[in-house]
Amino acid sequence: MKKLLMLISALALACLAGPVMAKSAHKSKAMKYEVVDVNCYLTKGAHGEKHKDCAVKCISGGDELALLHSGKLYVPVDQDFHPARDQFASKAGEMVEVKGKKFSKGGVNYIQVTSESSADASK
């Protein structure tokens, strides 16, 4: 009887804790990222204000982009994991504030974007 009571208590606790843990796993914090041209960043380490004109030219010409934060590149994707390139192409070389969930798979970092806005690079 004690074992049954313990089992029921453990299941009840798991049922209550599950939704709480699931909610916290989906929360994402807004962070600032620089929209960079992947080619220039990987081959030359080029980014920042001095590289903005080049990034605009390259990204508008079709080069891939990524979001740079703390030395890591993130490929932006939408809620269905489709590329979110068009959302950021016009912001080449700029800082943006992005809220989303980060994933890594096979050595590639992704951010599933839930919201995005321009950010002041001086902050």
PDB file of N, CA and C in Angstrom:
ATOM      1  N   MET A   1       0.816  -1.196   0.000  1.00  0.00           N
ATOM      2  CA  MET A   1       0.000   0.000   0.000  1.00  0.00           C
ATOM      3  C   MET A   1       0.859   1.259   0.000  1.00  0.00           C
ATOM      4  N   LYS A   2       1.968   1.223   0.793  1.00  0.00           N
ATOM      5  CA  LYS A   2       2.851   2.383   0.846  1.00  0.00           C
ATOM      6  C   LYS A   2       3.489   2.631  -0.519  1.00  0.00           C
ATOM      7  N   LYS A   3       3.849   1.552  -1.211  1.00  0.00           N
ATOM      8  CA  LYS A   3       4.470   1.698  -2.531  1.00  0.00           C
ATOM      9  C   LYS A   3       3.490   2.320  -3.517  1.00  0.00           C
ATOM     10  N   LEU A   4       2.234   1.905  -3.446  1.00  0.00           N
ATOM     11  CA  LEU A   4       1.216   2.458  -4.330  1.00  0.00           C
ATOM     12  C   LEU A   4       0.998   3.940  -4.049  1.00  0.00           C
ATOM     13  N   LEU A   5       0.953   4.294  -2.783  1.00  0.00           N
ATOM     14  CA  LEU A   5       0.794   5.692  -2.392  1.00  0.00           C
ATOM     15  C   LEU A   5       1.983   6.530  -2.860  1.00  0.00           C
ATOM     16  N   MET A   6       3.190   5.983  -2.728  1.00  0.00           N
ATOM     17  CA  MET A   6       4.403   6.687  -3.193  1.00  0.00           C
ATOM     18  C   MET A   6       4.365   6.866  -4.711  1.00  0.00           C
ATOM     19  N   LEU A   7       3.935   5.836  -5.423  1.00  0.00           N
ATOM     20  CA  LEU A   7       3.856   5.901  -6.880  1.00  0.00           C
ATOM     21  C   LEU A   7       2.843   6.952  -7.316  1.00  0.00           C
ATOM     22  N   ILE A   8       1.688   6.969  -6.687  1.00  0.00           N
ATOM     23  CA  ILE A   8       0.661   7.964  -7.020  1.00  0.00           C
ATOM     24  C   ILE A   8       1.160   9.372  -6.709  1.00  0.00           C
ATOM     25  N   SER A   9       1.838   9.549  -5.591  1.00  0.00           N
ATOM     26  CA  SER A   9       2.395  10.863  -5.232  1.00  0.00           C
ATOM     27  C   SER A   9       3.435  11.306  -6.239  1.00  0.00           C
ATOM     28  N   ALA A  10       4.294  10.393  -6.662  1.00  0.00           N
ATOM     29  CA  ALA A  10       5.336  10.729  -7.639  1.00  0.00           C
ATOM     30  C   ALA A  10       4.722  11.100  -8.978  1.00  0.00           C
ATOM     31  N   LEU A  11       3.712  10.374  -9.416  1.00  0.00           N
ATOM     32  CA  LEU A  11       3.038  10.693 -10.680  1.00  0.00           C
ATOM     33  C   LEU A  11       2.336  12.043 -10.610  1.00  0.00           C
ATOM     34  N   ALA A  12       1.683  12.315  -9.492  1.00  0.00           N
ATOM     35  CA  ALA A  12       1.009  13.605  -9.330  1.00  0.00           C
ATOM     36  C   ALA A  12       2.011  14.749  -9.380  1.00  0.00           C
ATOM     37  N   LEU A  13       3.137  14.570  -8.711  1.00  0.00           N
ATOM     38  CA  LEU A  13       4.178  15.599  -8.719  1.00  0.00           C
ATOM     39  C   LEU A  13       4.728  15.803 -10.128  1.00  0.00           C
ATOM     40  N   ALA A  14       4.943  14.713 -10.849  1.00  0.00           N
ATOM     41  CA  ALA A  14       5.451  14.808 -12.226  1.00  0.00           C
ATOM     42  C   ALA A  14       4.456  15.523 -13.124  1.00  0.00           C
ATOM     43  N   CYS A  15       3.172  15.239 -12.934  1.00  0.00           N
ATOM     44  CA  CYS A  15       2.136  15.892 -13.750  1.00  0.00           C
ATOM     45  C   CYS A  15       2.074  17.392 -13.481  1.00  0.00           C
ATOM     46  N   LEU A  16       2.289  17.781 -12.251  1.00  0.00           N
ATOM     47  CA  LEU A  16       2.266  19.201 -11.902  1.00  0.00           C
ATOM     48  C   LEU A  16       3.544  19.902 -12.339  1.00  0.00           C
ATOM     49  N   ALA A  17       4.678  19.235 -12.224  1.00  0.00           N
ATOM     50  CA  ALA A  17       5.963  19.853 -12.554  1.00  0.00           C
ATOM     51  C   ALA A  17       6.163  19.963 -14.056  1.00  0.00           C
ATOM     52  N   GLY A  18       5.611  19.036 -14.826  1.00  0.00           N
ATOM     53  CA  GLY A  18       5.800  19.031 -16.281  1.00  0.00           C
ATOM     54  C   GLY A  18       5.416  20.337 -16.946  1.00  0.00           C
ATOM     55  N   PRO A  19       4.166  20.820 -16.742  1.00  0.00           N
ATOM     56  CA  PRO A  19       3.774  22.081 -17.379  1.00  0.00           C
ATOM     57  C   PRO A  19       4.625  23.272 -16.946  1.00  0.00           C
ATOM     58  N   VAL A  20       5.036  23.295 -15.686  1.00  0.00           N
ATOM     59  CA  VAL A  20       5.875  24.394 -15.206  1.00  0.00           C
ATOM     60  C   VAL A  20       7.220  24.370 -15.921  1.00  0.00           C
ATOM     61  N   MET A  21       7.819  23.195 -16.041  1.00  0.00           N
ATOM     62  CA  MET A  21       9.106  23.080 -16.724  1.00  0.00           C
ATOM     63  C   MET A  21       8.962  23.398 -18.207  1.00  0.00           C
ATOM     64  N   ALA A  22       7.865  22.963 -18.832  1.00  0.00           N
ATOM     65  CA  ALA A  22       7.657  23.223 -20.251  1.00  0.00           C
ATOM     66  C   ALA A  22       7.549  24.715 -20.515  1.00  0.00           C
ATOM     67  N   LYS A  23       6.855  25.446 -19.643  1.00  0.00           N
ATOM     68  CA  LYS A  23       6.721  26.887 -19.827  1.00  0.00           C
ATOM     69  C   LYS A  23       8.077  27.576 -19.764  1.00  0.00           C
ATOM     70  N   SER A  24       8.914  27.203 -18.831  1.00  0.00           N
ATOM     71  CA  SER A  24      10.211  27.854 -18.701  1.00  0.00           C
ATOM     72  C   SER A  24      11.135  27.491 -19.859  1.00  0.00           C
ATOM     73  N   ALA A  25      10.962  26.304 -20.437  1.00  0.00           N
ATOM     74  CA  ALA A  25      11.805  25.904 -21.557  1.00  0.00           C
ATOM     75  C   ALA A  25      11.488  26.728 -22.799  1.00  0.00           C
ATOM     76  N   HIS A  26      10.273  27.241 -22.922  1.00  0.00           N
ATOM     77  CA  HIS A  26       9.887  28.002 -24.114  1.00  0.00           C
ATOM     78  C   HIS A  26      10.136  29.500 -23.972  1.00  0.00           C
ATOM     79  N   LYS A  27      10.464  29.932 -22.764  1.00  0.00           N
ATOM     80  CA  LYS A  27      10.743  31.349 -22.578  1.00  0.00           C
ATOM     81  C   LYS A  27      12.057  31.693 -23.271  1.00  0.00           C
ATOM     82  N   SER A  28      12.101  32.849 -23.884  1.00  0.00           N
ATOM     83  CA  SER A  28      13.335  33.282 -24.514  1.00  0.00           C
ATOM     84  C   SER A  28      13.574  34.743 -24.176  1.00  0.00           C
ATOM     85  N   LYS A  29      14.822  35.077 -24.051  1.00  0.00           N
ATOM     86  CA  LYS A  29      15.222  36.420 -23.658  1.00  0.00           C
ATOM     87  C   LYS A  29      15.653  37.198 -24.907  1.00  0.00           C
ATOM     88  N   ALA A  30      15.245  38.444 -25.001  1.00  0.00           N
ATOM     89  CA  ALA A  30      15.666  39.281 -26.123  1.00  0.00           C
ATOM     90  C   ALA A  30      17.139  39.636 -25.960  1.00  0.00           C
ATOM     91  N   MET A  31      17.905  39.477 -27.041  1.00  0.00           N
ATOM     92  CA  MET A  31      19.334  39.788 -27.024  1.00  0.00           C
ATOM     93  C   MET A  31      19.686  40.558 -28.287  1.00  0.00           C
ATOM     94  N   LYS A  32      20.793  41.278 -28.227  1.00  0.00           N
ATOM     95  CA  LYS A  32      21.252  42.041 -29.386  1.00  0.00           C
ATOM     96  C   LYS A  32      22.208  41.214 -30.227  1.00  0.00           C
ATOM     97  N   TYR A  33      21.987  41.282 -31.534  1.00  0.00           N
ATOM     98  CA  TYR A  33      22.800  40.562 -32.506  1.00  0.00           C
ATOM     99  C   TYR A  33      23.180  41.533 -33.620  1.00  0.00           C
ATOM    100  N   GLU A  34      24.315  41.287 -34.240  1.00  0.00           N
ATOM    101  CA  GLU A  34      24.697  42.043 -35.437  1.00  0.00           C
ATOM    102  C   GLU A  34      24.362  41.188 -36.646  1.00  0.00           C
ATOM    103  N   VAL A  35      23.712  41.783 -37.645  1.00  0.00           N
ATOM    104  CA  VAL A  35      23.416  41.084 -38.888  1.00  0.00           C
ATOM    105  C   VAL A  35      24.685  41.143 -39.744  1.00  0.00           C
ATOM    106  N   VAL A  36      25.306  39.986 -39.969  1.00  0.00           N
ATOM    107  CA  VAL A  36      26.583  39.945 -40.684  1.00  0.00           C
ATOM    108  C   VAL A  36      26.476  39.149 -41.975  1.00  0.00           C
ATOM    109  N   ASP A  37      27.354  39.499 -42.893  1.00  0.00           N
ATOM    110  CA  ASP A  37      27.554  38.759 -44.136  1.00  0.00           C
ATOM    111  C   ASP A  37      28.454  37.570 -43.779  1.00  0.00           C
ATOM    112  N   VAL A  38      27.962  36.362 -43.946  1.00  0.00           N
ATOM    113  CA  VAL A  38      28.688  35.164 -43.530  1.00  0.00           C
ATOM    114  C   VAL A  38      30.028  35.041 -44.249  1.00  0.00           C
ATOM    115  N   ASN A  39      30.065  35.295 -45.541  1.00  0.00           N
ATOM    116  CA  ASN A  39      31.306  35.158 -46.314  1.00  0.00           C
ATOM    117  C   ASN A  39      32.413  36.056 -45.761  1.00  0.00           C
ATOM    118  N   CYS A  40      32.141  37.323 -45.606  1.00  0.00           N
ATOM    119  CA  CYS A  40      33.165  38.256 -45.104  1.00  0.00           C
ATOM    120  C   CYS A  40      33.563  37.952 -43.664  1.00  0.00           C
ATOM    121  N   TYR A  41      32.580  37.553 -42.855  1.00  0.00           N
ATOM    122  CA  TYR A  41      32.884  37.266 -41.459  1.00  0.00           C
ATOM    123  C   TYR A  41      33.784  36.026 -41.340  1.00  0.00           C
ATOM    124  N   LEU A  42      33.454  34.976 -42.076  1.00  0.00           N
ATOM    125  CA  LEU A  42      34.235  33.741 -41.971  1.00  0.00           C
ATOM    126  C   LEU A  42      35.610  33.835 -42.628  1.00  0.00           C
ATOM    127  N   THR A  43      35.697  34.527 -43.754  1.00  0.00           N
ATOM    128  CA  THR A  43      36.986  34.589 -44.460  1.00  0.00           C
ATOM    129  C   THR A  43      37.910  35.693 -43.965  1.00  0.00           C
ATOM    130  N   LYS A  44      37.339  36.806 -43.503  1.00  0.00           N
ATOM    131  CA  LYS A  44      38.170  37.953 -43.103  1.00  0.00           C
ATOM    132  C   LYS A  44      37.925  38.420 -41.666  1.00  0.00           C
ATOM    133  N   GLY A  45      36.922  37.865 -41.019  1.00  0.00           N
ATOM    134  CA  GLY A  45      36.565  38.339 -39.685  1.00  0.00           C
ATOM    135  C   GLY A  45      35.909  39.708 -39.716  1.00  0.00           C
ATOM    136  N   ALA A  46      35.455  40.112 -40.890  1.00  0.00           N
ATOM    137  CA  ALA A  46      34.912  41.463 -41.077  1.00  0.00           C
ATOM    138  C   ALA A  46      33.488  41.581 -40.521  1.00  0.00           C
ATOM    139  N   HIS A  47      33.298  42.588 -39.679  1.00  0.00           N
ATOM    140  CA  HIS A  47      31.976  42.939 -39.155  1.00  0.00           C
ATOM    141  C   HIS A  47      32.105  44.283 -38.458  1.00  0.00           C
ATOM    142  N   GLY A  48      31.011  44.771 -37.935  1.00  0.00           N
ATOM    143  CA  GLY A  48      31.034  46.049 -37.234  1.00  0.00           C
ATOM    144  C   GLY A  48      30.733  47.221 -38.148  1.00  0.00           C
ATOM    145  N   GLU A  49      30.764  48.406 -37.567  1.00  0.00           N
ATOM    146  CA  GLU A  49      30.395  49.637 -38.277  1.00  0.00           C
ATOM    147  C   GLU A  49      31.248  49.861 -39.533  1.00  0.00           C
ATOM    148  N   LYS A  50      32.531  49.559 -39.457  1.00  0.00           N
ATOM    149  CA  LYS A  50      33.427  49.769 -40.605  1.00  0.00           C
ATOM    150  C   LYS A  50      33.080  48.863 -41.786  1.00  0.00           C
ATOM    151  N   HIS A  51      32.420  47.779 -41.507  1.00  0.00           N
ATOM    152  CA  HIS A  51      32.102  46.805 -42.560  1.00  0.00           C
ATOM    153  C   HIS A  51      30.659  46.909 -43.049  1.00  0.00           C
ATOM    154  N   LYS A  52      29.897  47.843 -42.523  1.00  0.00           N
ATOM    155  CA  LYS A  52      28.474  47.934 -42.841  1.00  0.00           C
ATOM    156  C   LYS A  52      28.189  48.084 -44.336  1.00  0.00           C
ATOM    157  N   ASP A  53      28.872  48.994 -45.024  1.00  0.00           N
ATOM    158  CA  ASP A  53      28.613  49.206 -46.453  1.00  0.00           C
ATOM    159  C   ASP A  53      28.840  47.931 -47.265  1.00  0.00           C
ATOM    160  N   CYS A  54      29.906  47.225 -46.934  1.00  0.00           N
ATOM    161  CA  CYS A  54      30.210  45.977 -47.635  1.00  0.00           C
ATOM    162  C   CYS A  54      29.147  44.919 -47.333  1.00  0.00           C
ATOM    163  N   ALA A  55      28.725  44.831 -46.067  1.00  0.00           N
ATOM    164  CA  ALA A  55      27.703  43.854 -45.685  1.00  0.00           C
ATOM    165  C   ALA A  55      26.390  44.126 -46.416  1.00  0.00           C
ATOM    166  N   VAL A  56      26.015  45.389 -46.514  1.00  0.00           N
ATOM    167  CA  VAL A  56      24.795  45.761 -47.236  1.00  0.00           C
ATOM    168  C   VAL A  56      24.892  45.303 -48.687  1.00  0.00           C
ATOM    169  N   LYS A  57      26.019  45.589 -49.327  1.00  0.00           N
ATOM    170  CA  LYS A  57      26.226  45.222 -50.736  1.00  0.00           C
ATOM    171  C   LYS A  57      26.177  43.702 -50.913  1.00  0.00           C
ATOM    172  N   CYS A  58      26.897  42.981 -50.069  1.00  0.00           N
ATOM    173  CA  CYS A  58      26.976  41.527 -50.224  1.00  0.00           C
ATOM    174  C   CYS A  58      25.650  40.838 -49.931  1.00  0.00           C
ATOM    175  N   ILE A  59      24.989  41.226 -48.846  1.00  0.00           N
ATOM    176  CA  ILE A  59      23.727  40.583 -48.487  1.00  0.00           C
ATOM    177  C   ILE A  59      22.633  40.919 -49.493  1.00  0.00           C
ATOM    178  N   SER A  60      22.589  42.178 -49.954  1.00  0.00           N
ATOM    179  CA  SER A  60      21.571  42.534 -50.950  1.00  0.00           C
ATOM    180  C   SER A  60      21.862  41.854 -52.285  1.00  0.00           C
ATOM    181  N   GLY A  61      23.117  41.451 -52.495  1.00  0.00           N
ATOM    182  CA  GLY A  61      23.492  40.715 -53.698  1.00  0.00           C
ATOM    183  C   GLY A  61      23.228  39.221 -53.595  1.00  0.00           C
ATOM    184  N   GLY A  62      22.745  38.765 -52.441  1.00  0.00           N
ATOM    185  CA  GLY A  62      22.378  37.364 -52.302  1.00  0.00           C
ATOM    186  C   GLY A  62      23.245  36.539 -51.373  1.00  0.00           C
ATOM    187  N   ASP A  63      24.335  37.121 -50.841  1.00  0.00           N
ATOM    188  CA  ASP A  63      25.164  36.362 -49.905  1.00  0.00           C
ATOM    189  C   ASP A  63      24.360  36.009 -48.662  1.00  0.00           C
ATOM    190  N   GLU A  64      24.752  34.925 -48.023  1.00  0.00           N
ATOM    191  CA  GLU A  64      24.070  34.493 -46.810  1.00  0.00           C
ATOM    192  C   GLU A  64      24.338  35.449 -45.661  1.00  0.00           C
ATOM    193  N   LEU A  65      23.400  35.492 -44.737  1.00  0.00           N
ATOM    194  CA  LEU A  65      23.563  36.314 -43.544  1.00  0.00           C
ATOM    195  C   LEU A  65      23.394  35.438 -42.313  1.00  0.00           C
ATOM    196  N   ALA A  66      23.891  35.951 -41.210  1.00  0.00           N
ATOM    197  CA  ALA A  66      23.710  35.292 -39.920  1.00  0.00           C
ATOM    198  C   ALA A  66      23.654  36.371 -38.858  1.00  0.00           C
ATOM    199  N   LEU A  67      23.254  35.973 -37.669  1.00  0.00           N
ATOM    200  CA  LEU A  67      23.197  36.886 -36.539  1.00  0.00           C
ATOM    201  C   LEU A  67      24.373  36.558 -35.633  1.00  0.00           C
ATOM    202  N   LEU A  68      25.175  37.574 -35.326  1.00  0.00           N
ATOM    203  CA  LEU A  68      26.388  37.408 -34.531  1.00  0.00           C
ATOM    204  C   LEU A  68      26.158  37.902 -33.110  1.00  0.00           C
ATOM    205  N   HIS A  69      26.489  37.029 -32.144  1.00  0.00           N
ATOM    206  CA  HIS A  69      26.396  37.405 -30.726  1.00  0.00           C
ATOM    207  C   HIS A  69      27.505  36.684 -29.973  1.00  0.00           C
ATOM    208  N   SER A  70      28.339  37.439 -29.293  1.00  0.00           N
ATOM    209  CA  SER A  70      29.422  36.879 -28.473  1.00  0.00           C
ATOM    210  C   SER A  70      30.283  35.884 -29.245  1.00  0.00           C
ATOM    211  N   GLY A  71      30.606  36.220 -30.480  1.00  0.00           N
ATOM    212  CA  GLY A  71      31.487  35.381 -31.286  1.00  0.00           C
ATOM    213  C   GLY A  71      30.831  34.167 -31.915  1.00  0.00           C
ATOM    214  N   LYS A  72      29.534  34.001 -31.741  1.00  0.00           N
ATOM    215  CA  LYS A  72      28.820  32.865 -32.339  1.00  0.00           C
ATOM    216  C   LYS A  72      27.877  33.363 -33.422  1.00  0.00           C
ATOM    217  N   LEU A  73      27.814  32.610 -34.518  1.00  0.00           N
ATOM    218  CA  LEU A  73      26.875  32.900 -35.590  1.00  0.00           C
ATOM    219  C   LEU A  73      25.622  32.063 -35.413  1.00  0.00           C
ATOM    220  N   TYR A  74      24.473  32.692 -35.650  1.00  0.00           N
ATOM    221  CA  TYR A  74      23.190  32.009 -35.561  1.00  0.00           C
ATOM    222  C   TYR A  74      22.441  32.198 -36.870  1.00  0.00           C
ATOM    223  N   VAL A  75      21.929  31.102 -37.436  1.00  0.00           N
ATOM    224  CA  VAL A  75      21.094  31.157 -38.624  1.00  0.00           C
ATOM    225  C   VAL A  75      19.668  31.431 -38.148  1.00  0.00           C
ATOM    226  N   PRO A  76      19.067  32.540 -38.595  1.00  0.00           N
ATOM    227  CA  PRO A  76      17.701  32.834 -38.149  1.00  0.00           C
ATOM    228  C   PRO A  76      16.676  31.991 -38.914  1.00  0.00           C
ATOM    229  N   VAL A  77      15.747  31.392 -38.174  1.00  0.00           N
ATOM    230  CA  VAL A  77      14.666  30.613 -38.773  1.00  0.00           C
ATOM    231  C   VAL A  77      13.343  31.051 -38.148  1.00  0.00           C
ATOM    232  N   ASP A  78      12.242  30.770 -38.865  1.00  0.00           N
ATOM    233  CA  ASP A  78      10.925  31.129 -38.336  1.00  0.00           C
ATOM    234  C   ASP A  78      10.377  29.997 -37.471  1.00  0.00           C
ATOM    235  N   GLN A  79       9.138  30.098 -37.076  1.00  0.00           N
ATOM    236  CA  GLN A  79       8.527  29.116 -36.175  1.00  0.00           C
ATOM    237  C   GLN A  79       8.440  27.716 -36.782  1.00  0.00           C
ATOM    238  N   ASP A  80       8.440  27.633 -38.123  1.00  0.00           N
ATOM    239  CA  ASP A  80       8.387  26.347 -38.822  1.00  0.00           C
ATOM    240  C   ASP A  80       9.768  25.898 -39.291  1.00  0.00           C
ATOM    241  N   PHE A  81      10.807  26.552 -38.794  1.00  0.00           N
ATOM    242  CA  PHE A  81      12.209  26.278 -39.140  1.00  0.00           C
ATOM    243  C   PHE A  81      12.535  26.539 -40.603  1.00  0.00           C
ATOM    244  N   HIS A  82      11.808  27.468 -41.224  1.00  0.00           N
ATOM    245  CA  HIS A  82      12.154  27.936 -42.567  1.00  0.00           C
ATOM    246  C   HIS A  82      13.088  29.129 -42.413  1.00  0.00           C
ATOM    247  N   PRO A  83      13.948  29.391 -43.395  1.00  0.00           N
ATOM    248  CA  PRO A  83      14.870  30.530 -43.281  1.00  0.00           C
ATOM    249  C   PRO A  83      14.128  31.844 -43.040  1.00  0.00           C
ATOM    250  N   ALA A  84      14.691  32.672 -42.158  1.00  0.00           N
ATOM    251  CA  ALA A  84      14.116  33.989 -41.871  1.00  0.00           C
ATOM    252  C   ALA A  84      15.021  35.077 -42.451  1.00  0.00           C
ATOM    253  N   ARG A  85      15.720  34.766 -43.531  1.00  0.00           N
ATOM    254  CA  ARG A  85      16.677  35.679 -44.165  1.00  0.00           C
ATOM    255  C   ARG A  85      16.025  36.997 -44.558  1.00  0.00           C
ATOM    256  N   ASP A  86      14.860  36.927 -45.187  1.00  0.00           N
ATOM    257  CA  ASP A  86      14.199  38.145 -45.677  1.00  0.00           C
ATOM    258  C   ASP A  86      13.883  39.127 -44.554  1.00  0.00           C
ATOM    259  N   GLN A  87      13.669  38.624 -43.372  1.00  0.00           N
ATOM    260  CA  GLN A  87      13.357  39.468 -42.220  1.00  0.00           C
ATOM    261  C   GLN A  87      14.552  40.338 -41.816  1.00  0.00           C
ATOM    262  N   PHE A  88      15.782  39.901 -42.147  1.00  0.00           N
ATOM    263  CA  PHE A  88      16.983  40.596 -41.697  1.00  0.00           C
ATOM    264  C   PHE A  88      17.823  41.193 -42.824  1.00  0.00           C
ATOM    265  N   ALA A  89      17.541  40.873 -44.081  1.00  0.00           N
ATOM    266  CA  ALA A  89      18.373  41.307 -45.206  1.00  0.00           C
ATOM    267  C   ALA A  89      18.510  42.829 -45.285  1.00  0.00           C
ATOM    268  N   SER A  90      17.466  43.558 -44.975  1.00  0.00           N
ATOM    269  CA  SER A  90      17.528  45.026 -45.063  1.00  0.00           C
ATOM    270  C   SER A  90      18.279  45.647 -43.883  1.00  0.00           C
ATOM    271  N   LYS A  91      18.694  44.828 -42.922  1.00  0.00           N
ATOM    272  CA  LYS A  91      19.378  45.343 -41.727  1.00  0.00           C
ATOM    273  C   LYS A  91      20.846  44.919 -41.693  1.00  0.00           C
ATOM    274  N   ALA A  92      21.409  44.656 -42.854  1.00  0.00           N
ATOM    275  CA  ALA A  92      22.803  44.231 -42.945  1.00  0.00           C
ATOM    276  C   ALA A  92      23.724  45.218 -42.238  1.00  0.00           C
ATOM    277  N   GLY A  93      24.625  44.683 -41.408  1.00  0.00           N
ATOM    278  CA  GLY A  93      25.586  45.514 -40.706  1.00  0.00           C
ATOM    279  C   GLY A  93      25.015  46.258 -39.508  1.00  0.00           C
ATOM    280  N   GLU A  94      23.752  46.051 -39.196  1.00  0.00           N
ATOM    281  CA  GLU A  94      23.113  46.740 -38.074  1.00  0.00           C
ATOM    282  C   GLU A  94      22.948  45.807 -36.883  1.00  0.00           C
ATOM    283  N   MET A  95      22.701  46.414 -35.734  1.00  0.00           N
ATOM    284  CA  MET A  95      22.366  45.662 -34.539  1.00  0.00           C
ATOM    285  C   MET A  95      20.851  45.519 -34.487  1.00  0.00           C
ATOM    286  N   VAL A  96      20.392  44.319 -34.169  1.00  0.00           N
ATOM    287  CA  VAL A  96      18.964  44.065 -34.011  1.00  0.00           C
ATOM    288  C   VAL A  96      18.743  43.365 -32.674  1.00  0.00           C
ATOM    289  N   GLU A  97      17.592  43.593 -32.100  1.00  0.00           N
ATOM    290  CA  GLU A  97      17.240  42.900 -30.869  1.00  0.00           C
ATOM    291  C   GLU A  97      16.289  41.775 -31.248  1.00  0.00           C
ATOM    292  N   VAL A  98      16.682  40.557 -30.917  1.00  0.00           N
ATOM    293  CA  VAL A  98      15.927  39.378 -31.324  1.00  0.00           C
ATOM    294  C   VAL A  98      15.554  38.566 -30.093  1.00  0.00           C
ATOM    295  N   LYS A  99      14.321  38.125 -30.097  1.00  0.00           N
ATOM    296  CA  LYS A  99      13.853  37.212 -29.056  1.00  0.00           C
ATOM    297  C   LYS A  99      13.548  35.894 -29.751  1.00  0.00           C
ATOM    298  N   GLY A 100      14.080  34.802 -29.205  1.00  0.00           N
ATOM    299  CA  GLY A 100      13.832  33.507 -29.810  1.00  0.00           C
ATOM    300  C   GLY A 100      14.559  32.409 -29.073  1.00  0.00           C
ATOM    301  N   LYS A 101      14.290  31.203 -29.470  1.00  0.00           N
ATOM    302  CA  LYS A 101      14.881  30.034 -28.848  1.00  0.00           C
ATOM    303  C   LYS A 101      16.077  29.576 -29.675  1.00  0.00           C
ATOM    304  N   LYS A 102      17.193  29.311 -29.005  1.00  0.00           N
ATOM    305  CA  LYS A 102      18.418  28.893 -29.679  1.00  0.00           C
ATOM    306  C   LYS A 102      18.512  27.372 -29.730  1.00  0.00           C
ATOM    307  N   PHE A 103      19.020  26.872 -30.853  1.00  0.00           N
ATOM    308  CA  PHE A 103      19.242  25.452 -31.059  1.00  0.00           C
ATOM    309  C   PHE A 103      20.609  25.252 -31.697  1.00  0.00           C
ATOM    310  N   SER A 104      21.227  24.124 -31.431  1.00  0.00           N
ATOM    311  CA  SER A 104      22.460  23.734 -32.125  1.00  0.00           C
ATOM    312  C   SER A 104      22.265  22.316 -32.625  1.00  0.00           C
ATOM    313  N   LYS A 105      22.613  22.087 -33.871  1.00  0.00           N
ATOM    314  CA  LYS A 105      22.480  20.758 -34.459  1.00  0.00           C
ATOM    315  C   LYS A 105      23.600  20.579 -35.471  1.00  0.00           C
ATOM    316  N   GLY A 106      24.377  19.538 -35.300  1.00  0.00           N
ATOM    317  CA  GLY A 106      25.445  19.242 -36.252  1.00  0.00           C
ATOM    318  C   GLY A 106      26.484  20.344 -36.355  1.00  0.00           C
ATOM    319  N   GLY A 107      26.701  21.062 -35.273  1.00  0.00           N
ATOM    320  CA  GLY A 107      27.689  22.133 -35.272  1.00  0.00           C
ATOM    321  C   GLY A 107      27.183  23.470 -35.788  1.00  0.00           C
ATOM    322  N   VAL A 108      25.917  23.544 -36.143  1.00  0.00           N
ATOM    323  CA  VAL A 108      25.328  24.788 -36.649  1.00  0.00           C
ATOM    324  C   VAL A 108      24.382  25.339 -35.585  1.00  0.00           C
ATOM    325  N   ASN A 109      24.459  26.659 -35.348  1.00  0.00           N
ATOM    326  CA  ASN A 109      23.594  27.332 -34.378  1.00  0.00           C
ATOM    327  C   ASN A 109      22.428  27.980 -35.106  1.00  0.00           C
ATOM    328  N   TYR A 110      21.248  27.814 -34.548  1.00  0.00           N
ATOM    329  CA  TYR A 110      20.033  28.412 -35.096  1.00  0.00           C
ATOM    330  C   TYR A 110      19.353  29.228 -34.004  1.00  0.00           C
ATOM    331  N   ILE A 111      18.602  30.233 -34.434  1.00  0.00           N
ATOM    332  CA  ILE A 111      17.713  30.925 -33.513  1.00  0.00           C
ATOM    333  C   ILE A 111      16.336  30.974 -34.162  1.00  0.00           C
ATOM    334  N   GLN A 112      15.358  30.409 -33.452  1.00  0.00           N
ATOM    335  CA  GLN A 112      13.975  30.413 -33.910  1.00  0.00           C
ATOM    336  C   GLN A 112      13.366  31.734 -33.445  1.00  0.00           C
ATOM    337  N   VAL A 113      13.240  32.670 -34.360  1.00  0.00           N
ATOM    338  CA  VAL A 113      12.867  34.048 -34.054  1.00  0.00           C
ATOM    339  C   VAL A 113      11.385  34.156 -33.695  1.00  0.00           C
ATOM    340  N   THR A 114      11.126  34.743 -32.516  1.00  0.00           N
ATOM    341  CA  THR A 114       9.746  35.014 -32.124  1.00  0.00           C
ATOM    342  C   THR A 114       9.421  36.498 -32.256  1.00  0.00           C
ATOM    343  N   SER A 115      10.437  37.361 -32.109  1.00  0.00           N
ATOM    344  CA  SER A 115      10.245  38.790 -32.351  1.00  0.00           C
ATOM    345  C   SER A 115      11.591  39.431 -32.642  1.00  0.00           C
ATOM    346  N   GLU A 116      11.535  40.564 -33.329  1.00  0.00           N
ATOM    347  CA  GLU A 116      12.769  41.256 -33.728  1.00  0.00           C
ATOM    348  C   GLU A 116      12.489  42.739 -33.854  1.00  0.00           C
ATOM    349  N   SER A 117      13.483  43.556 -33.492  1.00  0.00           N
ATOM    350  CA  SER A 117      13.381  45.001 -33.659  1.00  0.00           C
ATOM    351  C   SER A 117      14.780  45.564 -33.813  1.00  0.00           C
ATOM    352  N   SER A 118      14.870  46.765 -34.348  1.00  0.00           N
ATOM    353  CA  SER A 118      16.171  47.417 -34.486  1.00  0.00           C
ATOM    354  C   SER A 118      16.673  47.778 -33.107  1.00  0.00           C
ATOM    355  N   ALA A 119      17.982  47.743 -32.952  1.00  0.00           N
ATOM    356  CA  ALA A 119      18.591  48.070 -31.664  1.00  0.00           C
ATOM    357  C   ALA A 119      19.648  49.144 -31.889  1.00  0.00           C
ATOM    358  N   ASP A 120      19.813  50.008 -30.923  1.00  0.00           N
ATOM    359  CA  ASP A 120      20.834  51.046 -30.992  1.00  0.00           C
ATOM    360  C   ASP A 120      22.186  50.399 -30.734  1.00  0.00           C
ATOM    361  N   ALA A 121      23.095  50.480 -31.704  1.00  0.00           N
ATOM    362  CA  ALA A 121      24.412  49.837 -31.589  1.00  0.00           C
ATOM    363  C   ALA A 121      25.246  50.430 -30.471  1.00  0.00           C
ATOM    364  N   SER A 122      24.933  51.634 -30.029  1.00  0.00           N
ATOM    365  CA  SER A 122      25.740  52.264 -28.985  1.00  0.00           C
ATOM    366  C   SER A 122      25.387  51.763 -27.585  1.00  0.00           C
ATOM    367  N   LYS A 123      24.295  51.003 -27.445  1.00  0.00           N
ATOM    368  CA  LYS A 123      23.876  50.507 -26.114  1.00  0.00           C
ATOM    369  C   LYS A 123      24.580  49.226 -25.778  1.00  0.00           C
TER     370      LYS A 123
END
